[in-house]
Structures are given as structure tokens and as C-alpha cells.
N, C-alpha and C. Protein backbone atom coordinates (compact mmCIF):
# COMPACT_ATOMS: atom_id res chain seq x y z
N MET A 1 -7.95 101.92 28.95
CA MET A 1 -8.39 100.61 28.53
C MET A 1 -7.83 99.52 29.45
N ILE A 2 -6.59 99.70 29.84
CA ILE A 2 -5.96 98.71 30.72
C ILE A 2 -6.71 98.65 32.05
N LYS A 3 -7.11 99.81 32.55
CA LYS A 3 -7.81 99.87 33.82
C LYS A 3 -9.20 99.23 33.71
N THR A 4 -9.84 99.38 32.57
CA THR A 4 -11.17 98.82 32.38
C THR A 4 -11.15 97.30 32.39
N ASP A 5 -10.30 96.70 31.55
CA ASP A 5 -10.20 95.24 31.49
C ASP A 5 -8.94 94.86 30.72
N GLU A 6 -7.87 94.67 31.47
CA GLU A 6 -6.58 94.37 30.85
C GLU A 6 -6.63 93.08 30.03
N ASN A 7 -7.32 92.07 30.54
CA ASN A 7 -7.39 90.80 29.83
C ASN A 7 -8.09 90.94 28.48
N ALA A 8 -9.14 91.73 28.42
CA ALA A 8 -9.84 91.95 27.15
C ALA A 8 -8.92 92.66 26.17
N LEU A 9 -8.16 93.64 26.66
CA LEU A 9 -7.23 94.37 25.79
C LEU A 9 -6.14 93.43 25.28
N ILE A 10 -5.58 92.61 26.16
CA ILE A 10 -4.54 91.65 25.76
C ILE A 10 -5.09 90.72 24.68
N CYS A 11 -6.28 90.22 24.90
CA CYS A 11 -6.90 89.30 23.94
C CYS A 11 -7.12 89.99 22.59
N ASP A 12 -7.62 91.22 22.61
CA ASP A 12 -7.86 91.96 21.37
C ASP A 12 -6.56 92.26 20.63
N LEU A 13 -5.53 92.67 21.36
CA LEU A 13 -4.24 92.95 20.72
C LEU A 13 -3.65 91.68 20.11
N ALA A 14 -3.80 90.56 20.81
CA ALA A 14 -3.28 89.30 20.28
C ALA A 14 -4.06 88.87 19.04
N GLU A 15 -5.37 89.00 19.09
CA GLU A 15 -6.21 88.57 17.97
C GLU A 15 -6.01 89.46 16.74
N THR A 16 -5.93 90.76 16.96
CA THR A 16 -5.88 91.70 15.84
C THR A 16 -4.47 91.88 15.29
N TYR A 17 -3.51 92.08 16.19
CA TYR A 17 -2.16 92.44 15.75
C TYR A 17 -1.11 91.37 16.06
N HIS A 18 -1.50 90.27 16.67
CA HIS A 18 -0.57 89.22 17.09
C HIS A 18 0.49 89.76 18.06
N ILE A 19 0.05 90.66 18.92
CA ILE A 19 0.90 91.19 19.99
C ILE A 19 0.55 90.41 21.25
N TYR A 20 1.48 89.61 21.72
CA TYR A 20 1.20 88.74 22.86
C TYR A 20 1.74 89.30 24.18
N ASP A 21 2.64 90.26 24.12
CA ASP A 21 3.14 90.90 25.34
C ASP A 21 3.26 92.39 25.07
N TYR A 22 2.17 93.09 25.29
CA TYR A 22 2.14 94.52 24.97
C TYR A 22 3.09 95.33 25.84
N LYS A 23 3.48 94.79 26.98
CA LYS A 23 4.35 95.54 27.90
C LYS A 23 5.77 95.68 27.35
N GLN A 24 6.11 94.92 26.32
CA GLN A 24 7.42 95.05 25.68
C GLN A 24 7.47 96.23 24.72
N LEU A 25 6.32 96.79 24.39
CA LEU A 25 6.24 97.91 23.44
C LEU A 25 6.14 99.24 24.18
N PRO A 26 6.55 100.32 23.52
CA PRO A 26 6.36 101.65 24.13
C PRO A 26 4.87 101.94 24.31
N LEU A 27 4.54 102.67 25.35
CA LEU A 27 3.15 102.97 25.67
C LEU A 27 2.44 103.67 24.52
N SER A 28 3.13 104.58 23.85
CA SER A 28 2.50 105.31 22.74
C SER A 28 2.14 104.35 21.60
N THR A 29 2.95 103.34 21.36
CA THR A 29 2.67 102.36 20.31
C THR A 29 1.46 101.51 20.69
N VAL A 30 1.40 101.10 21.94
CA VAL A 30 0.25 100.32 22.42
C VAL A 30 -1.02 101.16 22.31
N ALA A 31 -0.91 102.45 22.62
CA ALA A 31 -2.07 103.34 22.53
C ALA A 31 -2.57 103.44 21.09
N VAL A 32 -1.65 103.52 20.14
CA VAL A 32 -2.03 103.58 18.72
C VAL A 32 -2.74 102.29 18.32
N PHE A 33 -2.17 101.15 18.70
CA PHE A 33 -2.79 99.87 18.37
C PHE A 33 -4.16 99.74 19.03
N ALA A 34 -4.26 100.14 20.29
CA ALA A 34 -5.52 100.03 21.01
C ALA A 34 -6.60 100.91 20.39
N SER A 35 -6.22 102.12 19.99
CA SER A 35 -7.22 103.01 19.38
C SER A 35 -7.65 102.50 18.00
N GLY A 36 -6.82 101.68 17.38
CA GLY A 36 -7.15 101.13 16.07
C GLY A 36 -7.99 99.87 16.12
N LEU A 37 -8.29 99.39 17.31
CA LEU A 37 -9.13 98.20 17.42
C LEU A 37 -10.53 98.50 16.90
N SER A 38 -11.18 97.50 16.34
CA SER A 38 -12.53 97.71 15.79
C SER A 38 -13.52 97.95 16.92
N ASN A 39 -14.66 98.50 16.55
CA ASN A 39 -15.70 98.75 17.54
C ASN A 39 -16.32 97.46 18.07
N ASN A 40 -16.03 96.34 17.41
CA ASN A 40 -16.52 95.05 17.88
C ASN A 40 -15.53 94.35 18.81
N SER A 41 -14.41 95.00 19.10
CA SER A 41 -13.42 94.38 19.99
C SER A 41 -13.98 94.28 21.40
N ARG A 42 -13.47 93.31 22.14
CA ARG A 42 -13.95 93.07 23.50
C ARG A 42 -13.83 94.32 24.37
N ILE A 43 -12.68 94.97 24.29
CA ILE A 43 -12.44 96.12 25.17
C ILE A 43 -13.34 97.29 24.82
N LYS A 44 -13.56 97.54 23.54
CA LYS A 44 -14.43 98.67 23.16
C LYS A 44 -15.89 98.38 23.51
N LEU A 45 -16.32 97.14 23.35
CA LEU A 45 -17.68 96.79 23.77
C LEU A 45 -17.84 97.01 25.27
N LYS A 46 -16.85 96.57 26.04
CA LYS A 46 -16.91 96.72 27.49
C LYS A 46 -16.91 98.20 27.89
N MET A 47 -16.07 98.98 27.25
CA MET A 47 -15.99 100.40 27.58
C MET A 47 -17.28 101.14 27.23
N ASN A 48 -18.01 100.64 26.24
CA ASN A 48 -19.28 101.25 25.85
C ASN A 48 -20.47 100.62 26.57
N GLY A 49 -20.20 99.70 27.47
CA GLY A 49 -21.27 99.08 28.25
C GLY A 49 -22.14 98.13 27.45
N LEU A 50 -21.58 97.55 26.39
CA LEU A 50 -22.34 96.64 25.54
C LEU A 50 -21.88 95.20 25.75
N LYS A 51 -22.82 94.27 25.67
CA LYS A 51 -22.47 92.86 25.74
C LYS A 51 -22.22 92.29 24.36
N ILE A 52 -22.91 92.84 23.38
CA ILE A 52 -22.79 92.35 22.00
C ILE A 52 -22.61 93.54 21.07
N SER A 53 -22.13 93.27 19.87
CA SER A 53 -21.87 94.35 18.91
C SER A 53 -23.19 94.91 18.37
N LEU A 54 -23.12 96.12 17.84
CA LEU A 54 -24.30 96.75 17.25
C LEU A 54 -24.81 95.91 16.08
N GLU A 55 -23.89 95.36 15.31
CA GLU A 55 -24.29 94.51 14.18
C GLU A 55 -25.11 93.32 14.66
N THR A 56 -24.67 92.69 15.73
CA THR A 56 -25.40 91.55 16.28
C THR A 56 -26.76 92.00 16.82
N MET A 57 -26.80 93.17 17.44
CA MET A 57 -28.08 93.71 17.92
C MET A 57 -29.06 93.91 16.77
N PHE A 58 -28.57 94.53 15.70
CA PHE A 58 -29.43 94.78 14.54
C PHE A 58 -29.93 93.47 13.93
N LEU A 59 -29.03 92.51 13.79
CA LEU A 59 -29.43 91.22 13.21
C LEU A 59 -30.45 90.50 14.09
N ALA A 60 -30.27 90.56 15.40
CA ALA A 60 -31.21 89.93 16.32
C ALA A 60 -32.57 90.62 16.23
N GLN A 61 -32.58 91.94 16.13
CA GLN A 61 -33.84 92.67 16.02
C GLN A 61 -34.54 92.36 14.71
N ILE A 62 -33.78 92.26 13.63
CA ILE A 62 -34.36 91.89 12.33
C ILE A 62 -34.98 90.49 12.42
N LEU A 63 -34.27 89.57 13.04
CA LEU A 63 -34.79 88.21 13.20
C LEU A 63 -36.07 88.21 14.03
N ASP A 64 -36.08 88.98 15.11
CA ASP A 64 -37.28 89.07 15.94
C ASP A 64 -38.46 89.62 15.15
N ASP A 65 -38.22 90.68 14.38
CA ASP A 65 -39.29 91.27 13.57
C ASP A 65 -39.81 90.29 12.54
N LEU A 66 -38.92 89.55 11.91
CA LEU A 66 -39.32 88.54 10.93
C LEU A 66 -40.13 87.44 11.60
N ASN A 67 -39.69 87.00 12.77
CA ASN A 67 -40.44 85.97 13.50
C ASN A 67 -41.84 86.44 13.87
N ILE A 68 -41.97 87.68 14.30
CA ILE A 68 -43.29 88.24 14.64
C ILE A 68 -44.16 88.33 13.38
N LEU A 69 -43.57 88.75 12.28
CA LEU A 69 -44.30 88.86 11.02
C LEU A 69 -44.84 87.50 10.58
N VAL A 70 -43.99 86.49 10.63
CA VAL A 70 -44.42 85.13 10.25
C VAL A 70 -45.47 84.62 11.23
N TRP A 71 -45.24 84.83 12.53
CA TRP A 71 -46.17 84.37 13.55
C TRP A 71 -47.53 85.04 13.39
N SER A 72 -47.53 86.31 12.98
CA SER A 72 -48.80 87.05 12.84
C SER A 72 -49.70 86.45 11.77
N LYS A 73 -49.16 85.64 10.90
CA LYS A 73 -49.94 85.00 9.84
C LYS A 73 -50.45 83.61 10.24
N THR A 74 -50.22 83.21 11.48
CA THR A 74 -50.64 81.89 11.93
C THR A 74 -51.91 81.96 12.76
N LYS A 75 -52.53 80.80 12.98
CA LYS A 75 -53.72 80.72 13.82
C LYS A 75 -53.38 81.07 15.27
N ASP A 76 -52.18 80.71 15.69
CA ASP A 76 -51.76 81.00 17.06
C ASP A 76 -51.80 82.48 17.37
N SER A 77 -51.48 83.31 16.40
CA SER A 77 -51.45 84.75 16.67
C SER A 77 -52.84 85.29 16.96
N LYS A 78 -53.85 84.69 16.35
CA LYS A 78 -55.24 85.13 16.58
C LYS A 78 -55.65 84.88 18.03
N ASN A 79 -55.08 83.82 18.61
CA ASN A 79 -55.38 83.46 20.00
C ASN A 79 -54.32 83.94 20.98
N GLY A 80 -53.27 84.57 20.46
CA GLY A 80 -52.19 85.05 21.32
C GLY A 80 -51.33 83.94 21.90
N LYS A 81 -51.25 82.82 21.20
CA LYS A 81 -50.48 81.67 21.70
C LYS A 81 -49.16 81.55 20.96
N ASN A 82 -48.20 80.93 21.62
CA ASN A 82 -46.90 80.58 21.02
C ASN A 82 -46.19 81.75 20.36
N LYS A 83 -46.28 82.90 20.98
CA LYS A 83 -45.56 84.07 20.44
C LYS A 83 -44.06 83.78 20.52
N PRO A 84 -43.33 84.06 19.44
CA PRO A 84 -41.89 83.76 19.46
C PRO A 84 -41.16 84.60 20.50
N LYS A 85 -40.17 83.99 21.13
CA LYS A 85 -39.36 84.70 22.11
C LYS A 85 -38.36 85.60 21.39
N SER A 86 -38.05 86.70 22.02
CA SER A 86 -37.13 87.67 21.43
C SER A 86 -35.68 87.23 21.60
N ILE A 87 -35.01 87.04 20.49
CA ILE A 87 -33.58 86.72 20.51
C ILE A 87 -32.81 87.93 21.04
N TYR A 88 -33.23 89.11 20.62
CA TYR A 88 -32.58 90.35 21.07
C TYR A 88 -32.60 90.44 22.59
N ARG A 89 -33.76 90.19 23.18
CA ARG A 89 -33.90 90.26 24.65
C ARG A 89 -33.01 89.23 25.32
N MET A 90 -32.92 88.04 24.74
CA MET A 90 -32.07 86.99 25.32
C MET A 90 -30.60 87.42 25.32
N LEU A 91 -30.20 88.15 24.29
CA LEU A 91 -28.81 88.58 24.19
C LEU A 91 -28.50 89.78 25.07
N VAL A 92 -29.47 90.68 25.23
CA VAL A 92 -29.21 91.96 25.90
C VAL A 92 -29.54 91.93 27.39
N ASP A 93 -30.63 91.27 27.76
CA ASP A 93 -31.06 91.29 29.16
C ASP A 93 -30.12 90.47 30.03
N GLU A 94 -30.06 90.85 31.29
CA GLU A 94 -29.27 90.11 32.27
C GLU A 94 -29.99 88.80 32.58
N PRO A 95 -29.25 87.71 32.68
CA PRO A 95 -29.90 86.44 33.03
C PRO A 95 -30.40 86.49 34.47
N GLU A 96 -31.50 85.79 34.71
CA GLU A 96 -32.03 85.74 36.06
C GLU A 96 -31.07 84.97 36.96
N GLU A 97 -30.96 85.46 38.18
CA GLU A 97 -30.06 84.79 39.12
C GLU A 97 -30.69 83.48 39.57
N ARG A 98 -29.91 82.44 39.50
CA ARG A 98 -30.41 81.13 39.89
C ARG A 98 -30.46 81.02 41.41
N LYS A 99 -31.43 80.28 41.90
CA LYS A 99 -31.62 80.15 43.33
C LYS A 99 -31.15 78.79 43.85
N GLU A 100 -30.13 78.26 43.22
CA GLU A 100 -29.61 76.97 43.63
C GLU A 100 -28.52 77.14 44.67
N LEU A 101 -28.40 76.16 45.53
CA LEU A 101 -27.35 76.16 46.55
C LEU A 101 -26.45 74.96 46.33
N ALA A 102 -25.21 75.13 46.69
CA ALA A 102 -24.26 74.01 46.65
C ALA A 102 -23.69 73.85 48.06
N PHE A 103 -23.43 72.63 48.44
CA PHE A 103 -22.95 72.35 49.78
C PHE A 103 -21.61 71.63 49.71
N GLU A 104 -20.78 71.89 50.71
CA GLU A 104 -19.46 71.25 50.78
C GLU A 104 -19.56 69.80 51.22
N SER A 105 -20.58 69.52 52.03
CA SER A 105 -20.71 68.15 52.55
C SER A 105 -22.17 67.86 52.84
N GLY A 106 -22.43 66.60 53.12
CA GLY A 106 -23.78 66.20 53.51
C GLY A 106 -24.20 66.85 54.81
N GLU A 107 -23.24 67.06 55.69
CA GLU A 107 -23.52 67.69 56.98
C GLU A 107 -23.97 69.14 56.79
N ASP A 108 -23.31 69.86 55.88
CA ASP A 108 -23.72 71.24 55.58
C ASP A 108 -25.15 71.27 55.05
N PHE A 109 -25.46 70.31 54.18
CA PHE A 109 -26.82 70.22 53.63
C PHE A 109 -27.84 70.01 54.75
N LEU A 110 -27.56 69.05 55.63
CA LEU A 110 -28.51 68.75 56.71
C LEU A 110 -28.67 69.94 57.65
N ASN A 111 -27.60 70.64 57.97
CA ASN A 111 -27.69 71.82 58.84
C ASN A 111 -28.56 72.89 58.20
N THR A 112 -28.36 73.16 56.92
CA THR A 112 -29.15 74.17 56.22
C THR A 112 -30.61 73.73 56.12
N ARG A 113 -30.83 72.46 55.84
CA ARG A 113 -32.19 71.93 55.74
C ARG A 113 -32.91 72.08 57.08
N ASN A 114 -32.25 71.70 58.16
CA ASN A 114 -32.87 71.81 59.48
C ASN A 114 -33.17 73.26 59.84
N LYS A 115 -32.27 74.16 59.47
CA LYS A 115 -32.48 75.59 59.74
C LYS A 115 -33.71 76.09 58.99
N LEU A 116 -33.85 75.70 57.72
CA LEU A 116 -35.01 76.11 56.93
C LEU A 116 -36.30 75.53 57.49
N LEU A 117 -36.25 74.28 57.93
CA LEU A 117 -37.44 73.65 58.51
C LEU A 117 -37.86 74.36 59.80
N ARG A 118 -36.88 74.75 60.62
CA ARG A 118 -37.19 75.49 61.85
C ARG A 118 -37.83 76.84 61.52
N GLN A 119 -37.33 77.50 60.47
CA GLN A 119 -37.90 78.79 60.06
C GLN A 119 -39.34 78.62 59.59
N ILE A 120 -39.60 77.56 58.84
CA ILE A 120 -40.95 77.31 58.34
C ILE A 120 -41.91 77.05 59.49
N ARG A 121 -41.46 76.28 60.47
CA ARG A 121 -42.29 75.96 61.63
C ARG A 121 -42.43 77.13 62.59
N GLY A 122 -41.57 78.12 62.45
CA GLY A 122 -41.62 79.26 63.36
C GLY A 122 -40.82 79.06 64.62
N ASP A 123 -39.93 78.08 64.64
CA ASP A 123 -39.11 77.81 65.82
C ASP A 123 -38.02 78.86 65.99
N GLU A 124 -37.68 79.59 64.94
CA GLU A 124 -36.60 80.58 65.04
C GLU A 124 -37.16 81.97 65.06
């Protein structure tokens, strides 16, 4: 667990057992406390490759199903308009990478801008 994410383990131990410096305890004691953490703890979610707890997943899916059910009774559903977005997908899917750039100075901006303009014109 320590190798996976020490900070998550520290946070979980502090939140659950009020242990703020686990290194002061014997390793076997820390192992017992760590194994006793709930399945919703940060470290266990991370070790299982989950971003959110199963309970949250189930609740999001229930909400999505309810939204679809309600939407299916509207005029919009007949035309395929305004379909509700999936809360589950928003929670589980990776966010799209933003294509924004930040510059240290105005000069950096102008250099990058000129380079892009040359590429568009075919000068490079």
C-alpha cells in the first residue's frame, strides 16, 4: 500500500484511526490497521483501479436510469432531443485533455504564434 500511494494511506489512517505518523508504529500494527480500512478508502480505491466507490457508481447509475425513464415520457424523447447526460460517465470516464497553452511571457507567446503562422503558410 505504501508503494502504491503513501499519501493516500497516510490520509486514510489519519481519517479512520487518527494515526498521524504511522512510522512510529510497528509495521505489523500498521498492516493490521491498513487491512482494516474500508473498501471506500482512498488507498483501496486506488489499488483496485477505481476513481469512485462502488456505492457511488451504483447511485450514479440509478440516477441515470431514472433520468432516462423520466426523459422517455417527454416530447423531446420522441424527437431524440435533450437526452440527459450520464452522471456515471462523467464520474468514471477520463476528462478530455485541454488544448490550452500557457506562456511565461509575451515574447514566448509571439514566438509560438509566429511559428504557427509559418507552419500554416508552409514556410517551415
